[in-house]
Amino acid sequence: MSTETFADYILSEKNWIKKMEIVFYLQKKTNIFFDNSVVFKTLLTKLFLDKTNLDVDKNYTITASLLWSCKKDLLPKDLSKIKSFAKDGAKYLAKLGFDERFCRICEGVNRYSELDPREKESDVLELTDQFGGMLLDRPERIAFKPDEALVLLEYRNLKDKDNRYLDIFKDFVSNMEEIKI
C-alpha cells in the first residue's frame, strides 16, 4: 500500500490556481510563508513560461514558485536567517515528500547555497523572484518601473552571475510592456 505525500498531491494538481489554494491552506495549517508577493511572482513565472518555450519542467517550476520561500521570515532579524531560509525550506519540503531535484530547485533560487550545477528551473525562479520583487512597494522604497527593474536585475543583482534565461526574460518583459490593456 502506497501512501500519498503532500508532494504527490500538489504535483498531481495541474491547475495553478488550485495549487495556490492548496498552498494557502497549508499556510493556514503550518504557518509557512505565503503572501501576495508569492502569488504575484508565481503569476509572473506562469506568464514567462507560457510566452516562452523553455526546456524546463513547468509543473515543478510553478509549484516551486509557490513553495521555495516557505521558511522565509517576514521580518528577518539577521543575515544568517536571510541566507539560510531557502536551504531550510528545501529541508522542510523534503519532509513533505518532494524529491531531491525539486528541493535543489527551491534551494538554488537565491544562490546562497552556491549549488553547482544550478537547476534550470532555479534560474527561471531567480529572475521572476527578483524582478517581481522590484515591481512591488516595500516599506523602505516604492516599486520600480519595469525598465528600471530590468536594469537593476541585470547590472546589479545578476552582475557577474550566469543566468541562462536572462536575455529571454528581458525580451519577455519588453514584449509584455508593449501590450496595451
C-alpha atoms as a PDB file:
ATOM      1  CA  MET A   1       0.000   0.000   0.000  1.00  0.00           C
ATOM      2  CA  SER A   2       1.385   3.355  -1.078  1.00  0.00           C
ATOM      3  CA  THR A   3       0.875   6.497   0.966  1.00  0.00           C
ATOM      4  CA  GLU A   4       0.359   9.745  -0.918  1.00  0.00           C
ATOM      5  CA  THR A   5       2.550  12.584   0.275  1.00  0.00           C
ATOM      6  CA  PHE A   6       1.806  16.295   0.167  1.00  0.00           C
ATOM      7  CA  ALA A   7       4.300  16.488  -2.713  1.00  0.00           C
ATOM      8  CA  ASP A   8       2.369  13.856  -4.682  1.00  0.00           C
ATOM      9  CA  TYR A   9      -0.868  15.697  -4.000  1.00  0.00           C
ATOM     10  CA  ILE A  10       0.206  19.170  -5.120  1.00  0.00           C
ATOM     11  CA  LEU A  11       2.312  17.980  -8.061  1.00  0.00           C
ATOM     12  CA  SER A  12      -0.616  15.937  -9.394  1.00  0.00           C
ATOM     13  CA  GLU A  13      -2.736  19.110  -9.483  1.00  0.00           C
ATOM     14  CA  LYS A  14      -2.209  20.699 -12.901  1.00  0.00           C
ATOM     15  CA  ASN A  15      -4.314  23.838 -12.368  1.00  0.00           C
ATOM     16  CA  TRP A  16      -2.023  26.534 -10.972  1.00  0.00           C
ATOM     17  CA  ILE A  17      -4.898  28.353  -9.214  1.00  0.00           C
ATOM     18  CA  LYS A  18      -5.824  25.161  -7.372  1.00  0.00           C
ATOM     19  CA  LYS A  19      -2.148  24.659  -6.476  1.00  0.00           C
ATOM     20  CA  MET A  20      -2.236  28.137  -4.968  1.00  0.00           C
ATOM     21  CA  GLU A  21      -5.320  27.206  -2.915  1.00  0.00           C
ATOM     22  CA  ILE A  22      -3.511  24.121  -1.635  1.00  0.00           C
ATOM     23  CA  VAL A  23      -0.550  26.243  -0.506  1.00  0.00           C
ATOM     24  CA  PHE A  24      -2.933  28.792   1.038  1.00  0.00           C
ATOM     25  CA  TYR A  25      -4.455  26.056   3.215  1.00  0.00           C
ATOM     26  CA  LEU A  26      -1.015  24.640   4.035  1.00  0.00           C
ATOM     27  CA  GLN A  27      -0.032  28.131   5.201  1.00  0.00           C
ATOM     28  CA  LYS A  28      -3.100  28.330   7.445  1.00  0.00           C
ATOM     29  CA  LYS A  29      -2.258  24.951   8.977  1.00  0.00           C
ATOM     30  CA  THR A  30       1.545  25.217   9.274  1.00  0.00           C
ATOM     31  CA  ASN A  31       2.264  28.961   9.166  1.00  0.00           C
ATOM     32  CA  ILE A  32       4.680  28.749   6.221  1.00  0.00           C
ATOM     33  CA  PHE A  33       5.477  31.975   4.386  1.00  0.00           C
ATOM     34  CA  PHE A  34       2.837  32.658   1.732  1.00  0.00           C
ATOM     35  CA  ASP A  35       1.616  36.142   0.900  1.00  0.00           C
ATOM     36  CA  ASN A  36       0.523  38.291  -2.046  1.00  0.00           C
ATOM     37  CA  SER A  37       4.115  38.665  -3.244  1.00  0.00           C
ATOM     38  CA  VAL A  38       4.304  34.886  -3.750  1.00  0.00           C
ATOM     39  CA  VAL A  39       1.070  34.985  -5.741  1.00  0.00           C
ATOM     40  CA  PHE A  40       2.326  37.888  -7.886  1.00  0.00           C
ATOM     41  CA  LYS A  41       5.701  36.253  -8.568  1.00  0.00           C
ATOM     42  CA  THR A  42       4.023  32.940  -9.407  1.00  0.00           C
ATOM     43  CA  LEU A  43       1.755  34.698 -11.910  1.00  0.00           C
ATOM     44  CA  LEU A  44       4.848  36.320 -13.425  1.00  0.00           C
ATOM     45  CA  THR A  45       6.515  32.894 -13.581  1.00  0.00           C
ATOM     46  CA  LYS A  46       3.472  31.355 -15.271  1.00  0.00           C
ATOM     47  CA  LEU A  47       3.278  34.163 -17.852  1.00  0.00           C
ATOM     48  CA  PHE A  48       7.002  33.815 -18.589  1.00  0.00           C
ATOM     49  CA  LEU A  49       6.682  30.061 -19.072  1.00  0.00           C
ATOM     50  CA  ASP A  50       3.538  30.434 -21.205  1.00  0.00           C
ATOM     51  CA  LYS A  51       5.158  33.019 -23.513  1.00  0.00           C
ATOM     52  CA  THR A  52       8.462  31.198 -23.985  1.00  0.00           C
ATOM     53  CA  ASN A  53       9.483  27.726 -24.982  1.00  0.00           C
ATOM     54  CA  LEU A  54      11.973  26.955 -22.233  1.00  0.00           C
ATOM     55  CA  ASP A  55      13.225  23.432 -21.670  1.00  0.00           C
ATOM     56  CA  VAL A  56      12.113  23.297 -18.027  1.00  0.00           C
ATOM     57  CA  ASP A  57       9.627  21.275 -16.027  1.00  0.00           C
ATOM     58  CA  LYS A  58       6.719  23.732 -15.891  1.00  0.00           C
ATOM     59  CA  ASN A  59       4.855  21.831 -13.170  1.00  0.00           C
ATOM     60  CA  TYR A  60       7.922  21.795 -10.921  1.00  0.00           C
ATOM     61  CA  THR A  61       8.645  25.458 -11.679  1.00  0.00           C
ATOM     62  CA  ILE A  62       5.139  26.713 -10.836  1.00  0.00           C
ATOM     63  CA  THR A  63       4.949  24.546  -7.723  1.00  0.00           C
ATOM     64  CA  ALA A  64       8.432  25.637  -6.605  1.00  0.00           C
ATOM     65  CA  SER A  65       7.452  29.272  -7.174  1.00  0.00           C
ATOM     66  CA  LEU A  66       4.677  28.801  -4.630  1.00  0.00           C
ATOM     67  CA  LEU A  67       6.804  26.943  -2.086  1.00  0.00           C
ATOM     68  CA  TRP A  68      10.515  27.777  -2.336  1.00  0.00           C
ATOM     69  CA  SER A  69      10.287  30.643   0.180  1.00  0.00           C
ATOM     70  CA  CYS A  70       8.136  28.684   2.651  1.00  0.00           C
ATOM     71  CA  LYS A  71      10.626  29.230   5.501  1.00  0.00           C
ATOM     72  CA  LYS A  72      11.188  32.930   4.820  1.00  0.00           C
ATOM     73  CA  ASP A  73      10.929  35.121   7.889  1.00  0.00           C
ATOM     74  CA  LEU A  74       8.556  38.038   7.355  1.00  0.00           C
ATOM     75  CA  LEU A  75      10.838  40.322   9.341  1.00  0.00           C
ATOM     76  CA  PRO A  76      14.333  38.791   9.204  1.00  0.00           C
ATOM     77  CA  LYS A  77      16.493  39.963  12.041  1.00  0.00           C
ATOM     78  CA  ASP A  78      19.892  38.742  10.956  1.00  0.00           C
ATOM     79  CA  LEU A  79      21.744  37.992   7.744  1.00  0.00           C
ATOM     80  CA  SER A  80      22.216  34.308   8.603  1.00  0.00           C
ATOM     81  CA  LYS A  81      18.415  33.808   8.520  1.00  0.00           C
ATOM     82  CA  ILE A  82      18.212  35.533   5.143  1.00  0.00           C
ATOM     83  CA  LYS A  83      20.985  33.322   3.817  1.00  0.00           C
ATOM     84  CA  SER A  84      19.532  30.085   5.202  1.00  0.00           C
ATOM     85  CA  PHE A  85      15.773  30.274   4.602  1.00  0.00           C
ATOM     86  CA  ALA A  86      15.875  28.689   1.122  1.00  0.00           C
ATOM     87  CA  LYS A  87      18.004  25.797   2.396  1.00  0.00           C
ATOM     88  CA  ASP A  88      15.736  25.434   5.460  1.00  0.00           C
ATOM     89  CA  GLY A  89      12.740  25.482   3.123  1.00  0.00           C
ATOM     90  CA  ALA A  90      14.262  22.760   0.939  1.00  0.00           C
ATOM     91  CA  LYS A  91      14.756  20.547   4.021  1.00  0.00           C
ATOM     92  CA  TYR A  92      11.141  21.178   5.054  1.00  0.00           C
ATOM     93  CA  LEU A  93       9.880  20.369   1.547  1.00  0.00           C
ATOM     94  CA  ALA A  94      11.853  17.101   1.563  1.00  0.00           C
ATOM     95  CA  LYS A  95       9.909  16.126   4.700  1.00  0.00           C
ATOM     96  CA  LEU A  96       6.695  16.763   2.737  1.00  0.00           C
ATOM     97  CA  GLY A  97       7.809  14.193   0.159  1.00  0.00           C
ATOM     98  CA  PHE A  98       9.426  16.325  -2.543  1.00  0.00           C
ATOM     99  CA  ASP A  99      12.315  14.670  -4.370  1.00  0.00           C
ATOM    100  CA  GLU A 100      15.922  15.832  -4.281  1.00  0.00           C
ATOM    101  CA  ARG A 101      15.707  17.669  -7.626  1.00  0.00           C
ATOM    102  CA  PHE A 102      12.658  19.694  -6.570  1.00  0.00           C
ATOM    103  CA  CYS A 103      14.388  20.619  -3.314  1.00  0.00           C
ATOM    104  CA  ARG A 104      17.544  21.650  -5.233  1.00  0.00           C
ATOM    105  CA  ILE A 105      15.395  23.921  -7.424  1.00  0.00           C
ATOM    106  CA  CYS A 106      13.971  25.608  -4.332  1.00  0.00           C
ATOM    107  CA  GLU A 107      17.286  25.872  -2.518  1.00  0.00           C
ATOM    108  CA  GLY A 108      19.029  27.299  -5.575  1.00  0.00           C
ATOM    109  CA  VAL A 109      16.722  30.242  -6.245  1.00  0.00           C
ATOM    110  CA  ASN A 110      18.563  32.818  -4.126  1.00  0.00           C
ATOM    111  CA  ARG A 111      22.106  31.434  -4.736  1.00  0.00           C
ATOM    112  CA  TYR A 112      23.172  31.492  -1.083  1.00  0.00           C
ATOM    113  CA  SER A 113      23.751  27.735  -1.117  1.00  0.00           C
ATOM    114  CA  GLU A 114      26.013  28.074  -4.143  1.00  0.00           C
ATOM    115  CA  LEU A 115      24.694  24.845  -5.643  1.00  0.00           C
ATOM    116  CA  ASP A 116      26.663  23.713  -8.665  1.00  0.00           C
ATOM    117  CA  PRO A 117      25.364  22.873 -11.120  1.00  0.00           C
ATOM    118  CA  ARG A 118      22.239  25.002 -10.785  1.00  0.00           C
ATOM    119  CA  GLU A 119      18.910  23.609 -11.881  1.00  0.00           C
ATOM    120  CA  LYS A 120      17.400  25.327 -14.928  1.00  0.00           C
ATOM    121  CA  GLU A 121      14.203  25.985 -13.013  1.00  0.00           C
ATOM    122  CA  SER A 122      16.186  27.837 -10.328  1.00  0.00           C
ATOM    123  CA  ASP A 123      17.335  30.290 -12.991  1.00  0.00           C
ATOM    124  CA  VAL A 124      13.721  30.956 -14.034  1.00  0.00           C
ATOM    125  CA  LEU A 125      12.637  31.490 -10.432  1.00  0.00           C
ATOM    126  CA  GLU A 126      15.621  33.721  -9.685  1.00  0.00           C
ATOM    127  CA  LEU A 127      14.515  36.069 -12.473  1.00  0.00           C
ATOM    128  CA  THR A 128      10.834  36.165 -11.589  1.00  0.00           C
ATOM    129  CA  ASP A 129      11.524  36.462  -7.852  1.00  0.00           C
ATOM    130  CA  GLN A 130      13.985  39.318  -8.132  1.00  0.00           C
ATOM    131  CA  PHE A 131      12.223  41.204 -10.920  1.00  0.00           C
ATOM    132  CA  GLY A 132       8.782  40.683  -9.368  1.00  0.00           C
ATOM    133  CA  GLY A 133      10.066  41.855  -6.003  1.00  0.00           C
ATOM    134  CA  MET A 134      11.327  45.087  -7.518  1.00  0.00           C
ATOM    135  CA  LEU A 135       7.895  45.774  -9.043  1.00  0.00           C
ATOM    136  CA  LEU A 136       6.293  45.739  -5.588  1.00  0.00           C
ATOM    137  CA  ASP A 137       6.262  48.506  -2.997  1.00  0.00           C
ATOM    138  CA  ARG A 138       8.296  47.778   0.109  1.00  0.00           C
ATOM    139  CA  PRO A 139       8.310  49.612   3.442  1.00  0.00           C
ATOM    140  CA  GLU A 140      11.707  51.123   2.602  1.00  0.00           C
ATOM    141  CA  ARG A 141      11.001  52.070  -1.052  1.00  0.00           C
ATOM    142  CA  ILE A 142       8.368  52.437  -3.730  1.00  0.00           C
ATOM    143  CA  ALA A 143       8.136  49.950  -6.578  1.00  0.00           C
ATOM    144  CA  PHE A 144      10.435  50.330  -9.557  1.00  0.00           C
ATOM    145  CA  LYS A 145       9.156  50.762 -13.093  1.00  0.00           C
ATOM    146  CA  PRO A 146       9.741  47.631 -15.233  1.00  0.00           C
ATOM    147  CA  ASP A 147      12.553  49.205 -17.272  1.00  0.00           C
ATOM    148  CA  GLU A 148      14.344  50.331 -14.098  1.00  0.00           C
ATOM    149  CA  ALA A 149      13.880  46.905 -12.526  1.00  0.00           C
ATOM    150  CA  LEU A 150      15.372  45.206 -15.599  1.00  0.00           C
ATOM    151  CA  VAL A 151      18.469  47.403 -15.453  1.00  0.00           C
ATOM    152  CA  LEU A 152      18.917  46.695 -11.736  1.00  0.00           C
ATOM    153  CA  LEU A 153      18.336  42.992 -12.291  1.00  0.00           C
ATOM    154  CA  GLU A 154      20.967  42.736 -14.996  1.00  0.00           C
ATOM    155  CA  TYR A 155      23.626  45.173 -13.809  1.00  0.00           C
ATOM    156  CA  ARG A 156      23.342  44.939 -10.022  1.00  0.00           C
ATOM    157  CA  ASN A 157      21.602  41.764  -8.861  1.00  0.00           C
ATOM    158  CA  LEU A 158      22.986  39.431 -11.514  1.00  0.00           C
ATOM    159  CA  LYS A 159      26.268  41.214 -12.170  1.00  0.00           C
ATOM    160  CA  ASP A 160      28.949  38.529 -12.631  1.00  0.00           C
ATOM    161  CA  LYS A 161      26.298  35.792 -12.325  1.00  0.00           C
ATOM    162  CA  ASP A 162      25.338  33.419 -15.105  1.00  0.00           C
ATOM    163  CA  ASN A 163      21.585  33.111 -15.549  1.00  0.00           C
ATOM    164  CA  ARG A 164      20.899  31.161 -18.732  1.00  0.00           C
ATOM    165  CA  TYR A 165      17.493  32.804 -19.276  1.00  0.00           C
ATOM    166  CA  LEU A 166      18.283  36.488 -18.620  1.00  0.00           C
ATOM    167  CA  ASP A 167      18.178  37.568 -22.281  1.00  0.00           C
ATOM    168  CA  ILE A 168      14.956  35.647 -22.912  1.00  0.00           C
ATOM    169  CA  PHE A 169      13.454  37.226 -19.794  1.00  0.00           C
ATOM    170  CA  LYS A 170      14.443  40.726 -20.921  1.00  0.00           C
ATOM    171  CA  ASP A 171      12.715  40.091 -24.276  1.00  0.00           C
ATOM    172  CA  PHE A 172       9.656  38.749 -22.448  1.00  0.00           C
ATOM    173  CA  VAL A 173       9.400  41.879 -20.272  1.00  0.00           C
ATOM    174  CA  SER A 174       9.831  44.158 -23.295  1.00  0.00           C
ATOM    175  CA  ASN A 175       7.133  42.283 -25.196  1.00  0.00           C
ATOM    176  CA  MET A 176       4.761  42.374 -22.221  1.00  0.00           C
ATOM    177  CA  GLU A 177       5.263  46.125 -21.820  1.00  0.00           C
ATOM    178  CA  GLU A 178       4.138  46.640 -25.421  1.00  0.00           C
ATOM    179  CA  ILE A 179       0.749  45.033 -24.728  1.00  0.00           C
ATOM    180  CA  LYS A 180      -1.917  47.671 -24.210  1.00  0.00           C
ATOM    181  CA  ILE A 181      -4.748  46.848 -21.844  1.00  0.00           C
END
